Amino acid sequence: MSCKLQIERRAMKINGVQSAYFDLKSEQLNVMYDDDGLDVNELKEAVANAGHYEMITDPSESEKIQRAQKNQAQGCGCGCA
């Protein structure tokens, strides 16, 4: 199973998640959810358990990581892209 499908399926198993779409090119997971029922930490754990991924909810953290990885190859490394 591809990384994309693993991430989407694990996210969809979390209570409160209505839909999940992982874009390989941007490496972003887009989630539609119920505000009342979603446990963000549970969603982060599900994404981490799908592989070597970290879900970032703070945009400033994302920018720091992108700068740090500027010279590294992009992608998940599993060859599914």
Protein backbone atom coordinates (compact mmCIF):
# COMPACT_ATOMS: atom_id res chain seq x y z
CA MET A 1 0.00 0.00 0.00
CA SER A 2 1.32 3.46 -0.86
CA CYS A 3 2.30 6.00 1.79
CA LYS A 4 -0.53 8.24 0.60
CA LEU A 5 -3.16 5.57 1.21
CA GLN A 6 -1.69 4.58 4.57
CA ILE A 7 -1.80 8.16 5.85
CA GLU A 8 -5.32 8.80 4.53
CA ARG A 9 -6.71 5.53 5.91
CA ARG A 10 -5.17 6.00 9.34
CA ALA A 11 -6.44 9.58 9.52
CA MET A 12 -9.94 8.48 8.55
CA LYS A 13 -10.02 6.04 11.50
CA ILE A 14 -9.78 8.92 13.98
CA ASN A 15 -13.02 9.98 15.62
CA GLY A 16 -14.19 13.32 14.22
CA VAL A 17 -12.35 13.10 10.87
CA GLN A 18 -14.80 13.47 7.96
CA SER A 19 -12.29 13.28 5.11
CA ALA A 20 -8.53 13.10 4.61
CA TYR A 21 -6.48 13.75 1.48
CA PHE A 22 -2.67 13.54 1.38
CA ASP A 23 -0.98 15.44 -1.45
CA LEU A 24 2.35 13.78 -2.27
CA LYS A 25 3.70 16.80 -4.15
CA SER A 26 3.19 19.28 -1.31
CA GLU A 27 3.53 16.61 1.41
CA GLN A 28 0.45 18.02 3.14
CA LEU A 29 -2.48 16.23 4.70
CA ASN A 30 -5.77 18.07 4.30
CA VAL A 31 -8.36 17.02 6.86
CA MET A 32 -12.00 17.98 7.23
CA TYR A 33 -13.18 17.34 10.78
CA ASP A 34 -15.73 18.09 13.48
CA ASP A 35 -14.39 20.63 15.97
CA ASP A 36 -16.10 18.88 18.86
CA GLY A 37 -14.93 15.34 18.19
CA LEU A 38 -11.34 15.59 17.00
CA ASP A 39 -8.38 14.74 19.23
CA VAL A 40 -5.43 16.37 17.45
CA ASN A 41 -2.89 14.32 19.41
CA GLU A 42 -4.61 11.10 18.31
CA LEU A 43 -4.46 12.29 14.69
CA LYS A 44 -0.76 13.15 15.04
CA GLU A 45 -0.08 9.68 16.44
CA ALA A 46 -1.98 8.04 13.57
CA VAL A 47 0.06 9.97 11.00
CA ALA A 48 3.31 9.08 12.78
CA ASN A 49 2.30 5.40 12.84
CA ALA A 50 1.79 5.44 9.06
CA GLY A 51 5.55 5.80 8.59
CA HIS A 52 8.26 8.29 9.43
CA TYR A 53 5.99 11.31 9.39
CA GLU A 54 5.32 14.17 11.72
CA MET A 55 2.13 16.19 11.56
CA ILE A 56 2.80 19.89 12.12
CA THR A 57 -0.12 22.05 13.19
CA ASP A 58 1.84 25.27 13.79
CA PRO A 59 2.77 27.05 10.52
CA SER A 60 5.88 28.63 12.08
CA GLU A 61 7.23 25.15 12.91
CA SER A 62 6.62 24.09 9.32
CA GLU A 63 8.66 27.02 8.04
CA LYS A 64 11.56 26.17 10.37
CA ILE A 65 11.59 22.56 9.18
CA GLN A 66 11.42 23.58 5.53
CA ARG A 67 14.44 25.84 5.96
CA ALA A 68 16.35 23.06 7.73
CA GLN A 69 15.54 20.58 4.96
CA LYS A 70 16.16 22.97 2.09
CA ASN A 71 19.15 21.02 0.80
CA GLN A 72 17.69 17.55 1.40
CA ALA A 73 15.80 15.49 -1.15
CA GLN A 74 12.02 15.81 -0.92
CA GLY A 75 9.58 12.89 -0.64
CA CYS A 76 8.85 10.11 1.78
CA GLY A 77 11.66 7.90 0.53
CA CYS A 78 9.54 4.82 -0.13
CA GLY A 79 9.38 5.28 -3.90
CA CYS A 80 5.59 5.64 -4.08
CA ALA A 81 5.67 9.10 -5.67
